[in-house]
């Protein structure tokens, strides 16, 4: 008789690894990739994510080895005629409109926040940009050890099984039968789907496919062996129908992104990575982006540039749909794919892992009914948080990139502080301890 696993986690992403590291029963993580993939992208770790990492006992390891963006400092920015940025320090959002550059400071908001949060270090909100490889299993040497690799290193050897892709799922009494791409099968008491936007587990639960937003994103990484010279700051530029950001990952690497509404006027930009990079550079040069930010994109290796359409889960689908059923549930991007404006996708995945591990803690002692009840508690705890994040990210993205004259006027005149408050408010969340 084939052995029955206690917990199988589909996908070695942040949510899956966080759950596996939690507490309780040993789990098996199935990762579809045969090896680690080389397509790099970045992951912003806000304070809510650090709280989750602290709950897992690995937060300090991240702080020790990665760039922390500080707050509570006077910016003292000066924007000369040539558009170059000089001086300044701290965390801020830099918003470029069509005609002029304005700076939205969030230090005061963060300062008020940190005064009532004793868990935060002096200086305010923690924000760390970590360079991740595909599926967040390990990291480029440019940034050293980081969140997912730290989680993986804490797990017992053999926890992650590569080249193991789930293609079909069926119920068999109180266990779930998994059919893998290699023709093999296995049984498990609990299946946790952390298998991304195209989740097989989410489909089995009846959740509809994520919606195409009509926007696309291009991301890349630039290396500066001798140092890039950027301060601990986030630069964000918003122009006619686009948003672009430049964020240092370490002393020698800088991540950049560009989101826009594709149109026939883009021509053959999406035919190749080289054409896409040229397209992005042309758009940003026309918007008078500072030369330092342009240099980041120009330095990017073709292998480090990734472009894809942006998708999100309909909030109504989460309100009406099933996040869990019996011994099966979803977490991470399989649960709440969202627009990138809040930088909360990976943070929310870590929250999922902590909450899920806490709910499952002692559930197995009560048998299948106890497990199902535990997953139900997890689903209700994460349903409304997911709805809130998805909705806020969509609204912020719409306001930031809208070409509507009225929306642009309101954004540039009144809404910038509101967007900053939303960014901070979404990060002011505590998923609790294990």
Protein backbone atom coordinates (compact mmCIF):
# COMPACT_ATOMS: atom_id res chain seq x y z
CA UNK A 1 0.00 0.00 0.00
CA UNK A 2 1.43 3.37 -1.07
CA UNK A 3 2.38 5.75 1.71
CA UNK A 4 0.19 8.80 2.30
CA UNK A 5 1.99 12.10 2.78
CA UNK A 6 0.76 14.40 5.54
CA UNK A 7 1.26 17.66 3.60
CA UNK A 8 2.20 18.20 -0.03
CA UNK A 9 2.95 21.74 -1.15
CA UNK A 10 2.77 22.44 -4.87
CA UNK A 11 5.42 25.02 -5.71
CA UNK A 12 8.61 26.11 -3.95
CA UNK A 13 7.63 29.77 -3.77
CA UNK A 14 7.63 32.00 -0.73
CA UNK A 15 4.22 30.87 0.50
CA UNK A 16 5.10 27.20 0.13
CA UNK A 17 8.49 27.47 1.79
CA UNK A 18 7.11 29.61 4.62
CA UNK A 19 4.40 27.03 5.29
CA UNK A 20 6.91 24.19 5.17
CA UNK A 21 9.11 26.00 7.68
CA UNK A 22 6.20 26.82 9.98
CA UNK A 23 5.54 24.17 12.57
CA UNK A 24 3.79 20.87 13.02
CA UNK A 25 3.98 18.11 10.44
CA UNK A 26 6.81 17.49 7.97
CA UNK A 27 5.82 18.41 4.43
CA UNK A 28 6.95 17.57 0.91
CA UNK A 29 7.36 20.45 -1.56
CA UNK A 30 6.89 19.60 -5.24
CA UNK A 31 8.61 22.03 -7.61
CA UNK A 32 7.92 21.70 -11.34
CA UNK A 33 11.29 23.11 -12.45
CA UNK A 34 14.06 20.55 -13.04
CA UNK A 35 16.72 23.04 -12.00
CA UNK A 36 16.91 26.58 -10.75
CA UNK A 37 16.00 29.02 -13.47
CA UNK A 38 18.12 32.02 -14.42
CA UNK A 39 15.39 34.57 -15.15
CA UNK A 40 15.83 37.15 -12.42
CA UNK A 41 13.38 39.60 -10.91
CA UNK A 42 13.04 41.50 -7.69
CA UNK A 43 10.88 41.21 -4.62
CA UNK A 44 10.18 44.09 -2.27
CA UNK A 45 9.99 43.14 1.39
CA UNK A 46 7.90 45.59 3.37
CA UNK A 47 7.49 45.56 7.13
CA UNK A 48 4.56 43.14 7.01
CA UNK A 49 6.83 40.65 5.26
CA UNK A 50 9.57 41.15 7.83
CA UNK A 51 7.02 40.44 10.55
CA UNK A 52 6.24 37.16 8.82
CA UNK A 53 9.93 36.37 8.43
CA UNK A 54 10.45 37.17 12.11
CA UNK A 55 7.64 34.78 12.99
CA UNK A 56 9.51 32.11 11.04
CA UNK A 57 12.74 32.97 12.84
CA UNK A 58 14.70 34.17 9.80
CA UNK A 59 14.04 37.93 9.69
CA UNK A 60 17.40 38.93 11.13
CA UNK A 61 19.25 36.86 8.53
CA UNK A 62 17.61 38.94 5.81
CA UNK A 63 18.36 42.23 7.53
CA UNK A 64 22.03 41.33 7.92
CA UNK A 65 22.71 40.69 4.27
CA UNK A 66 20.45 42.96 2.25
CA UNK A 67 19.93 46.62 1.58
CA UNK A 68 17.36 48.16 3.89
CA UNK A 69 15.74 51.36 2.67
CA UNK A 70 15.67 53.80 5.56
CA UNK A 71 13.15 56.52 6.33
CA UNK A 72 12.79 59.55 8.54
CA UNK A 73 15.55 61.58 6.83
CA UNK A 74 15.26 64.95 5.13
CA UNK A 75 15.46 64.40 1.40
CA UNK A 76 16.95 67.73 0.39
CA UNK A 77 16.46 66.87 -3.25
CA UNK A 78 17.35 69.29 -6.00
CA UNK A 79 16.19 68.71 -9.57
CA UNK A 80 18.23 70.88 -11.96
CA UNK A 81 17.36 71.68 -15.54
CA UNK A 82 19.10 68.58 -16.84
CA UNK A 83 16.80 66.39 -14.76
CA UNK A 84 19.59 64.78 -12.74
CA UNK A 85 18.87 64.00 -9.13
CA UNK A 86 21.44 65.25 -6.62
CA UNK A 87 21.50 64.83 -2.87
CA UNK A 88 18.77 63.23 -0.88
CA UNK A 89 18.53 60.19 1.29
CA UNK A 90 15.78 57.94 2.58
CA UNK A 91 12.66 56.28 1.29
CA UNK A 92 10.40 58.21 -1.02
CA UNK A 93 8.32 57.92 -4.13
CA UNK A 94 9.54 60.05 -6.97
CA UNK A 95 6.67 60.88 -9.29
CA UNK A 96 7.32 62.34 -12.72
CA UNK A 97 4.36 63.94 -14.44
CA UNK A 98 4.23 65.02 -18.06
CA UNK A 99 5.80 68.43 -17.57
CA UNK A 100 7.56 68.52 -14.23
CA UNK A 101 9.06 66.38 -11.53
CA UNK A 102 7.52 66.32 -8.07
CA UNK A 103 8.57 64.39 -4.99
CA UNK A 104 6.10 62.63 -2.73
CA UNK A 105 7.64 62.03 0.68
CA UNK A 106 6.35 59.29 2.90
CA UNK A 107 8.78 59.84 5.77
CA UNK A 108 6.23 61.68 7.91
CA UNK A 109 3.68 58.93 7.43
CA UNK A 110 6.26 56.30 8.24
CA UNK A 111 7.52 58.24 11.23
CA UNK A 112 4.03 58.34 12.73
CA UNK A 113 3.69 54.64 12.01
CA UNK A 114 7.00 53.64 13.59
CA UNK A 115 6.30 55.63 16.76
CA UNK A 116 3.48 53.25 17.60
CA UNK A 117 5.22 50.08 16.44
CA UNK A 118 7.92 49.03 18.86
CA UNK A 119 8.88 46.07 16.66
CA UNK A 120 10.25 48.43 14.04
CA UNK A 121 13.79 49.80 14.19
CA UNK A 122 14.49 53.46 14.81
CA UNK A 123 14.09 55.29 11.53
CA UNK A 124 10.81 53.77 10.43
CA UNK A 125 9.62 51.32 7.87
CA UNK A 126 11.78 48.45 6.74
CA UNK A 127 11.83 47.90 3.02
CA UNK A 128 14.27 45.56 1.42
CA UNK A 129 14.63 44.73 -2.26
CA UNK A 130 15.82 41.20 -2.77
CA UNK A 131 16.94 39.78 -6.07
CA UNK A 132 15.20 36.48 -6.70
CA UNK A 133 15.56 33.87 -9.38
CA UNK A 134 12.54 32.21 -10.95
CA UNK A 135 10.24 30.55 -8.41
CA UNK A 136 12.12 32.34 -5.61
CA UNK A 137 14.13 29.24 -4.69
CA UNK A 138 17.60 30.79 -4.68
CA UNK A 139 19.25 34.08 -5.35
CA UNK A 140 21.88 35.64 -7.55
CA UNK A 141 25.27 36.00 -5.99
CA UNK A 142 24.84 39.73 -6.55
CA UNK A 143 22.63 39.88 -3.46
CA UNK A 144 23.74 36.83 -1.49
CA UNK A 145 21.38 35.02 0.87
CA UNK A 146 17.79 36.29 0.88
CA UNK A 147 14.27 35.36 1.85
CA UNK A 148 13.50 32.23 -0.16
CA UNK A 149 17.01 30.81 0.02
CA UNK A 150 17.02 31.46 3.75
CA UNK A 151 13.74 29.59 4.10
CA UNK A 152 15.01 26.72 1.97
CA UNK A 153 18.21 26.43 4.00
CA UNK A 154 16.16 26.06 7.19
CA UNK A 155 14.24 23.07 5.83
CA UNK A 156 15.34 19.43 6.26
CA UNK A 157 17.18 18.03 3.26
CA UNK A 158 14.89 16.31 0.81
CA UNK A 159 11.93 18.56 1.58
CA UNK A 160 11.89 19.94 -1.98
CA UNK A 161 11.49 17.53 -4.89
CA UNK A 162 12.28 19.02 -8.30
CA UNK A 163 10.88 18.01 -11.73
CA UNK A 164 7.58 17.23 -10.02
CA UNK A 165 4.69 18.91 -11.77
CA UNK A 166 1.10 18.18 -10.74
CA UNK A 167 -1.15 17.81 -13.79
CA UNK A 168 -4.35 16.42 -12.25
CA UNK A 169 -6.03 16.11 -8.86
CA UNK A 170 -8.78 13.83 -7.57
CA UNK A 171 -10.37 13.02 -4.24
CA UNK A 172 -10.28 9.54 -2.73
CA UNK A 173 -12.15 9.59 0.55
CA UNK A 174 -10.18 11.63 3.05
CA UNK A 175 -7.04 11.84 0.93
CA UNK A 176 -6.16 13.66 -2.28
CA UNK A 177 -4.58 11.82 -5.20
CA UNK A 178 -2.02 13.75 -7.24
CA UNK A 179 -1.14 12.80 -10.80
CA UNK A 180 2.30 14.03 -11.85
CA UNK A 181 3.62 14.84 -15.31
CA UNK A 182 5.95 11.81 -15.26
CA UNK A 183 2.96 9.46 -14.91
CA UNK A 184 3.42 8.73 -11.22
CA UNK A 185 0.84 9.34 -8.50
CA UNK A 186 0.94 10.09 -4.81
CA UNK A 187 -1.56 10.55 -2.02
CA UNK A 188 -1.68 13.25 0.63
CA UNK A 189 -3.86 14.30 3.54
CA UNK A 190 -3.31 17.99 2.75
CA UNK A 191 -2.54 19.68 -0.56
CA UNK A 192 -1.46 23.33 -0.52
CA UNK A 193 -1.39 24.97 -3.94
CA UNK A 194 1.42 27.51 -4.15
CA UNK A 195 1.80 26.88 -7.88
CA UNK A 196 1.50 30.42 -9.16
CA UNK A 197 -0.82 32.37 -11.42
CA UNK A 198 -1.62 29.34 -13.58
CA UNK A 199 -2.36 27.18 -10.56
CA UNK A 200 -3.64 23.66 -11.17
CA UNK A 201 -4.87 23.56 -7.58
CA UNK A 202 -6.83 26.82 -7.91
CA UNK A 203 -8.46 25.45 -11.06
CA UNK A 204 -9.44 22.27 -9.21
CA UNK A 205 -11.02 24.37 -6.45
CA UNK A 206 -13.11 26.15 -9.09
CA UNK A 207 -11.44 29.57 -8.94
CA UNK A 208 -11.63 31.33 -12.32
CA UNK A 209 -8.48 32.19 -14.23
CA UNK A 210 -6.79 35.50 -13.38
CA UNK A 211 -7.90 38.44 -15.53
CA UNK A 212 -5.68 40.15 -18.08
CA UNK A 213 -5.32 43.76 -16.95
CA UNK A 214 -4.56 45.21 -20.36
CA UNK A 215 -1.13 46.26 -19.11
CA UNK A 216 2.27 44.65 -19.51
CA UNK A 217 5.45 44.82 -17.47
CA UNK A 218 9.10 44.61 -18.38
CA UNK A 219 11.67 44.02 -15.66
CA UNK A 220 15.42 43.82 -15.64
CA UNK A 221 18.59 43.89 -13.61
CA UNK A 222 21.78 45.90 -14.05
CA UNK A 223 25.12 45.04 -12.47
CA UNK A 224 27.67 47.65 -11.37
CA UNK A 225 30.81 45.76 -10.26
CA UNK A 226 32.41 48.95 -8.97
CA UNK A 227 29.21 50.18 -7.28
CA UNK A 228 26.23 52.03 -8.71
CA UNK A 229 26.25 55.13 -6.51
CA UNK A 230 22.51 55.12 -5.82
CA UNK A 231 21.42 55.82 -2.28
CA UNK A 232 18.95 53.71 -0.23
CA UNK A 233 16.06 55.11 -2.24
CA UNK A 234 13.26 54.06 -4.50
CA UNK A 235 12.82 56.08 -7.66
CA UNK A 236 9.44 55.89 -9.34
CA UNK A 237 8.52 57.76 -12.52
CA UNK A 238 4.98 58.15 -13.77
CA UNK A 239 4.30 59.55 -17.23
CA UNK A 240 1.87 59.37 -20.11
CA UNK A 241 0.41 55.88 -19.69
CA UNK A 242 3.47 54.33 -18.07
CA UNK A 243 5.12 53.76 -14.72
CA UNK A 244 8.79 52.99 -14.27
CA UNK A 245 10.88 52.32 -11.20
CA UNK A 246 14.56 52.00 -10.29
CA UNK A 247 15.43 50.21 -7.05
CA UNK A 248 18.88 49.21 -5.76
CA UNK A 249 19.13 45.56 -4.68
CA UNK A 250 22.62 45.77 -3.26
CA UNK A 251 25.72 47.92 -3.61
CA UNK A 252 26.37 46.46 -7.06
CA UNK A 253 22.97 45.61 -8.55
CA UNK A 254 19.90 47.67 -9.46
CA UNK A 255 16.46 46.40 -10.43
CA UNK A 256 14.22 48.31 -12.84
CA UNK A 257 10.68 47.92 -14.12
CA UNK A 258 8.45 49.48 -16.74
CA UNK A 259 4.67 48.96 -17.00
CA UNK A 260 2.49 50.30 -19.79
CA UNK A 261 -0.62 49.77 -21.90
CA UNK A 262 0.43 47.88 -25.06
CA UNK A 263 -1.01 49.14 -28.35
CA UNK A 264 -0.52 48.54 -32.10
CA UNK A 265 1.64 51.67 -32.10
CA UNK A 266 4.28 49.72 -30.17
CA UNK A 267 5.18 47.91 -33.39
CA UNK A 268 7.42 44.87 -32.98
CA UNK A 269 8.58 45.75 -29.45
CA UNK A 270 7.47 42.42 -28.01
CA UNK A 271 9.18 40.26 -30.64
CA UNK A 272 12.45 40.04 -28.71
CA UNK A 273 14.07 41.11 -25.48
CA UNK A 274 16.44 43.45 -27.34
CA UNK A 275 13.57 45.22 -29.12
CA UNK A 276 11.66 45.49 -25.85
CA UNK A 277 14.60 47.11 -24.09
CA UNK A 278 15.03 49.57 -26.97
CA UNK A 279 11.30 50.34 -26.82
CA UNK A 280 11.47 51.07 -23.09
CA UNK A 281 14.53 53.29 -23.48
CA UNK A 282 12.90 55.28 -26.28
CA UNK A 283 9.77 55.86 -24.20
CA UNK A 284 11.70 56.94 -21.13
CA UNK A 285 14.05 59.24 -23.04
CA UNK A 286 11.01 60.98 -24.46
CA UNK A 287 9.70 61.47 -20.93
CA UNK A 288 12.92 63.16 -19.76
CA UNK A 289 13.82 60.47 -17.23
CA UNK A 290 17.17 61.21 -15.48
CA UNK A 291 20.25 59.81 -17.20
CA UNK A 292 21.16 57.69 -14.18
CA UNK A 293 17.89 55.78 -14.43
CA UNK A 294 18.34 55.28 -18.17
CA UNK A 295 21.84 53.91 -17.59
CA UNK A 296 20.39 51.17 -15.40
CA UNK A 297 18.28 49.91 -18.29
CA UNK A 298 21.09 50.26 -20.82
CA UNK A 299 23.39 48.15 -18.64
CA UNK A 300 20.92 45.28 -18.30
CA UNK A 301 21.98 41.99 -19.84
CA UNK A 302 19.44 40.49 -22.24
CA UNK A 303 19.19 37.39 -20.04
CA UNK A 304 18.06 39.59 -17.15
CA UNK A 305 15.16 41.27 -18.98
CA UNK A 306 11.70 39.69 -18.68
CA UNK A 307 8.43 40.93 -20.17
CA UNK A 308 4.91 39.64 -19.54
CA UNK A 309 1.26 40.73 -19.42
CA UNK A 310 -0.06 41.65 -15.97
CA UNK A 311 -2.91 39.61 -14.54
CA UNK A 312 -4.91 39.72 -11.32
CA UNK A 313 -7.56 37.67 -9.55
CA UNK A 314 -11.01 39.24 -9.55
CA UNK A 315 -11.86 40.25 -5.96
CA UNK A 316 -15.39 38.97 -6.56
CA UNK A 317 -13.96 35.56 -7.42
CA UNK A 318 -12.43 35.40 -3.95
CA UNK A 319 -15.59 36.65 -2.26
CA UNK A 320 -17.72 34.01 -3.97
CA UNK A 321 -15.20 31.24 -4.61
CA UNK A 322 -13.57 28.48 -2.60
CA UNK A 323 -10.10 29.10 -1.25
CA UNK A 324 -10.17 25.72 0.47
CA UNK A 325 -12.17 22.51 0.25
CA UNK A 326 -11.60 19.52 2.48
CA UNK A 327 -7.86 19.02 2.69
CA UNK A 328 -6.98 21.32 -0.23
CA UNK A 329 -6.25 25.07 -0.29
CA UNK A 330 -4.26 27.70 -2.21
CA UNK A 331 -1.77 30.39 -1.17
CA UNK A 332 0.57 32.94 -2.73
CA UNK A 333 0.00 33.87 -6.37
CA UNK A 334 -2.27 30.86 -6.73
CA UNK A 335 -4.61 32.71 -4.36
CA UNK A 336 -4.10 36.43 -4.93
CA UNK A 337 -2.23 37.41 -8.11
CA UNK A 338 -2.27 41.21 -8.08
CA UNK A 339 -0.98 44.25 -9.88
CA UNK A 340 2.58 45.26 -8.89
CA UNK A 341 2.00 48.84 -7.69
CA UNK A 342 1.97 48.04 -3.96
CA UNK A 343 4.93 45.67 -4.04
CA UNK A 344 2.89 43.30 -1.88
CA UNK A 345 2.72 40.06 -3.89
CA UNK A 346 5.63 38.33 -2.19
CA UNK A 347 4.86 39.94 1.16
CA UNK A 348 1.33 38.56 1.11
CA UNK A 349 2.68 35.13 0.19
CA UNK A 350 4.81 35.14 3.34
CA UNK A 351 1.77 36.18 5.36
CA UNK A 352 -0.14 33.26 3.85
CA UNK A 353 2.57 30.84 4.90
CA UNK A 354 2.61 31.99 8.52
CA UNK A 355 -1.19 31.98 8.88
CA UNK A 356 -1.47 28.58 7.20
CA UNK A 357 1.24 27.03 9.36
CA UNK A 358 -0.43 28.42 12.49
CA UNK A 359 -3.84 27.05 11.51
CA UNK A 360 -2.44 23.63 10.66
CA UNK A 361 -0.30 23.45 13.82
CA UNK A 362 -2.21 20.86 15.82
CA UNK A 363 -4.97 20.08 13.33
CA UNK A 364 -3.83 16.55 12.51
CA UNK A 365 -4.60 15.35 16.02
CA UNK A 366 -8.31 15.76 15.21
CA UNK A 367 -8.13 13.79 11.94
CA UNK A 368 -9.55 14.83 8.57
CA UNK A 369 -12.30 16.98 10.08
CA UNK A 370 -9.74 18.90 12.11
CA UNK A 371 -7.60 19.51 9.02
CA UNK A 372 -10.58 20.68 6.96
CA UNK A 373 -11.64 23.04 9.76
CA UNK A 374 -8.10 24.42 10.04
CA UNK A 375 -7.93 25.13 6.31
CA UNK A 376 -11.35 26.77 6.54
CA UNK A 377 -10.05 29.11 9.24
CA UNK A 378 -7.05 29.93 7.07
CA UNK A 379 -9.31 30.65 4.09
CA UNK A 380 -11.48 33.08 6.02
CA UNK A 381 -8.45 34.80 7.54
CA UNK A 382 -6.86 35.35 4.14
CA UNK A 383 -9.93 35.98 2.00
CA UNK A 384 -10.54 39.61 2.95
CA UNK A 385 -6.87 40.51 3.23
CA UNK A 386 -6.43 39.21 -0.33
CA UNK A 387 -9.47 41.13 -1.58
CA UNK A 388 -8.14 44.30 0.03
CA UNK A 389 -4.67 43.95 -1.50
CA UNK A 390 -5.88 43.07 -4.99
CA UNK A 391 -8.37 45.95 -5.02
CA UNK A 392 -5.93 48.52 -3.65
CA UNK A 393 -3.20 47.48 -6.10
CA UNK A 394 -5.58 47.74 -9.04
CA UNK A 395 -6.90 51.17 -8.02
CA UNK A 396 -3.42 52.56 -7.38
CA UNK A 397 -2.23 51.25 -10.73
CA UNK A 398 -5.22 52.72 -12.55
CA UNK A 399 -4.70 56.15 -10.99
CA UNK A 400 -0.96 56.13 -11.61
CA UNK A 401 -1.14 55.15 -15.27
CA UNK A 402 -4.44 56.61 -16.42
CA UNK A 403 -4.34 58.83 -19.52
CA UNK A 404 -7.67 60.41 -18.60
CA UNK A 405 -7.22 64.18 -18.28
CA UNK A 406 -9.38 64.43 -15.16
CA UNK A 407 -7.71 61.49 -13.42
CA UNK A 408 -4.26 62.85 -14.28
CA UNK A 409 -5.15 66.26 -12.87
CA UNK A 410 -6.51 64.75 -9.66
CA UNK A 411 -3.49 62.48 -9.38
CA UNK A 412 -0.91 65.20 -9.84
CA UNK A 413 -2.82 67.74 -7.72
CA UNK A 414 -4.50 65.83 -4.91
CA UNK A 415 -4.05 62.07 -5.00
CA UNK A 416 -0.28 61.61 -4.62
CA UNK A 417 -0.44 61.76 -0.79
CA UNK A 418 -3.36 59.31 -0.84
CA UNK A 419 -1.37 56.85 -2.95
CA UNK A 420 1.53 57.09 -0.51
CA UNK A 421 -0.82 56.51 2.43
CA UNK A 422 -2.28 53.46 0.68
CA UNK A 423 1.20 52.06 0.12
CA UNK A 424 2.04 52.44 3.80
CA UNK A 425 -1.36 51.25 5.02
CA UNK A 426 -1.13 47.97 3.11
CA UNK A 427 2.26 47.32 4.71
CA UNK A 428 0.95 48.14 8.20
CA UNK A 429 -0.28 44.61 8.78
CA UNK A 430 0.70 41.92 11.22
CA UNK A 431 -0.04 38.31 10.31
CA UNK A 432 0.75 37.25 13.86
CA UNK A 433 3.09 34.58 15.19
CA UNK A 434 3.15 30.84 14.88
